[in-house]
């Protein structure tokens, strides 16, 4: 994890299965790392074979960490991952804006726009 100018960058380690306890631990670590300051989250999942459980996805949609996130940018290079995250967004309706990107540069640009107060809240994805 890296935290700079109210942006938390996360590059998870590869795991066979990301369960509920893993998700709770990750969110607690993020809250501690950011000292519970409201922030933007950029998750780089490129090249990672992470598979989350249904319980962890449900917890991701509704948990105490949501109160500290302003927006989520997810960087992916996997079509199956994109389909899963798009399903998650439609099914769970995240409490913060969430977009999927192919590059860190595109994710950073979106966060920069959000931080400047010019977000269009659209559904365009990179």
Protein backbone atom coordinates (compact mmCIF):
# COMPACT_ATOMS: atom_id res chain seq x y z
CA UNK A 1 0.00 0.00 0.00
CA UNK A 2 1.01 3.55 -0.70
CA UNK A 3 -0.83 6.67 0.46
CA UNK A 4 -0.23 10.07 -1.10
CA UNK A 5 -2.34 13.23 -1.33
CA UNK A 6 -5.53 11.45 -0.18
CA UNK A 7 -5.11 8.58 -2.67
CA UNK A 8 -4.55 5.04 -1.41
CA UNK A 9 -2.83 2.78 -3.94
CA UNK A 10 -3.24 -0.95 -3.38
CA UNK A 11 -1.50 -3.78 -5.21
CA UNK A 12 -2.80 -7.00 -3.64
CA UNK A 13 -0.71 -10.13 -3.51
CA UNK A 14 -1.86 -13.06 -5.63
CA UNK A 15 -4.19 -15.39 -3.75
CA UNK A 16 -6.09 -18.48 -4.77
CA UNK A 17 -9.17 -17.27 -2.93
CA UNK A 18 -9.95 -13.93 -1.27
CA UNK A 19 -12.40 -14.75 1.51
CA UNK A 20 -14.45 -12.73 3.94
CA UNK A 21 -11.76 -12.60 6.64
CA UNK A 22 -9.17 -11.51 4.04
CA UNK A 23 -11.49 -8.68 2.94
CA UNK A 24 -12.12 -7.56 6.54
CA UNK A 25 -8.40 -7.58 7.26
CA UNK A 26 -7.61 -5.62 4.09
CA UNK A 27 -10.22 -2.95 4.87
CA UNK A 28 -9.04 -2.62 8.47
CA UNK A 29 -5.46 -2.23 7.26
CA UNK A 30 -6.59 0.47 4.79
CA UNK A 31 -8.45 2.37 7.53
CA UNK A 32 -5.41 2.20 9.79
CA UNK A 33 -3.03 3.16 6.97
CA UNK A 34 -5.06 6.26 6.02
CA UNK A 35 -5.82 7.13 9.65
CA UNK A 36 -9.53 7.07 8.71
CA UNK A 37 -9.17 10.11 6.46
CA UNK A 38 -11.60 10.24 3.53
CA UNK A 39 -9.67 9.22 0.43
CA UNK A 40 -9.72 7.86 -3.09
CA UNK A 41 -8.83 4.22 -3.70
CA UNK A 42 -6.86 2.90 -6.69
CA UNK A 43 -6.56 -0.89 -6.86
CA UNK A 44 -4.14 -2.42 -9.38
CA UNK A 45 -5.31 -5.95 -10.17
CA UNK A 46 -3.37 -6.39 -13.41
CA UNK A 47 -1.88 -9.84 -13.75
CA UNK A 48 -3.35 -11.13 -10.50
CA UNK A 49 -5.34 -14.35 -10.23
CA UNK A 50 -7.41 -13.19 -7.26
CA UNK A 51 -10.80 -14.84 -6.86
CA UNK A 52 -13.14 -13.44 -4.23
CA UNK A 53 -15.84 -15.35 -2.44
CA UNK A 54 -19.50 -14.28 -2.64
CA UNK A 55 -19.33 -13.37 1.06
CA UNK A 56 -16.32 -11.11 0.56
CA UNK A 57 -18.03 -9.37 -2.40
CA UNK A 58 -21.15 -8.76 -0.30
CA UNK A 59 -18.98 -7.37 2.50
CA UNK A 60 -17.19 -5.11 0.02
CA UNK A 61 -20.53 -3.54 -0.87
CA UNK A 62 -21.53 -2.86 2.74
CA UNK A 63 -18.82 -2.38 5.37
CA UNK A 64 -17.43 0.30 7.73
CA UNK A 65 -14.62 1.19 5.28
CA UNK A 66 -17.13 2.63 2.79
CA UNK A 67 -17.50 5.73 4.98
CA UNK A 68 -13.86 6.66 4.26
CA UNK A 69 -13.74 6.08 0.48
CA UNK A 70 -14.61 8.87 -1.94
CA UNK A 71 -14.24 6.82 -5.16
CA UNK A 72 -12.73 3.57 -6.40
CA UNK A 73 -10.59 3.19 -9.53
CA UNK A 74 -9.82 -0.40 -10.45
CA UNK A 75 -7.05 -1.12 -12.95
CA UNK A 76 -7.48 -4.42 -14.81
CA UNK A 77 -6.10 -6.31 -17.77
CA UNK A 78 -8.52 -9.22 -17.66
CA UNK A 79 -11.86 -9.40 -19.47
CA UNK A 80 -13.29 -11.99 -17.02
CA UNK A 81 -12.37 -9.69 -14.12
CA UNK A 82 -14.06 -6.76 -15.85
CA UNK A 83 -17.23 -8.81 -16.30
CA UNK A 84 -17.22 -9.84 -12.63
CA UNK A 85 -16.71 -6.27 -11.43
CA UNK A 86 -19.38 -4.94 -13.79
CA UNK A 87 -21.77 -7.57 -12.39
CA UNK A 88 -20.79 -6.54 -8.85
CA UNK A 89 -21.50 -2.88 -9.64
CA UNK A 90 -24.92 -3.67 -11.10
CA UNK A 91 -25.88 -6.15 -8.37
CA UNK A 92 -24.50 -4.42 -5.25
CA UNK A 93 -24.67 -0.71 -6.22
CA UNK A 94 -21.45 0.51 -4.56
CA UNK A 95 -21.83 3.53 -2.28
CA UNK A 96 -19.03 5.45 -4.05
CA UNK A 97 -18.30 6.10 -7.73
CA UNK A 98 -16.40 3.18 -9.23
CA UNK A 99 -14.72 2.94 -12.62
CA UNK A 100 -12.59 0.34 -14.34
CA UNK A 101 -9.43 1.31 -16.24
CA UNK A 102 -6.79 -0.45 -18.32
CA UNK A 103 -3.90 1.78 -17.17
CA UNK A 104 -2.76 3.48 -13.99
CA UNK A 105 -2.42 6.72 -15.94
CA UNK A 106 -6.12 6.69 -16.86
CA UNK A 107 -7.11 5.86 -13.27
CA UNK A 108 -4.90 8.67 -11.92
CA UNK A 109 -6.40 11.13 -14.40
CA UNK A 110 -9.95 10.24 -13.29
CA UNK A 111 -8.96 10.66 -9.63
CA UNK A 112 -7.35 14.01 -10.48
CA UNK A 113 -10.62 15.14 -12.14
CA UNK A 114 -12.63 13.99 -9.11
CA UNK A 115 -10.31 15.83 -6.76
CA UNK A 116 -10.71 19.02 -8.77
CA UNK A 117 -14.51 18.75 -8.44
CA UNK A 118 -15.19 18.29 -12.14
CA UNK A 119 -16.50 14.72 -12.13
CA UNK A 120 -19.33 14.07 -14.55
CA UNK A 121 -20.44 10.95 -12.62
CA UNK A 122 -20.82 9.17 -15.96
CA UNK A 123 -20.46 5.49 -16.63
CA UNK A 124 -17.68 5.69 -19.21
CA UNK A 125 -14.88 3.26 -18.60
CA UNK A 126 -11.42 3.14 -20.08
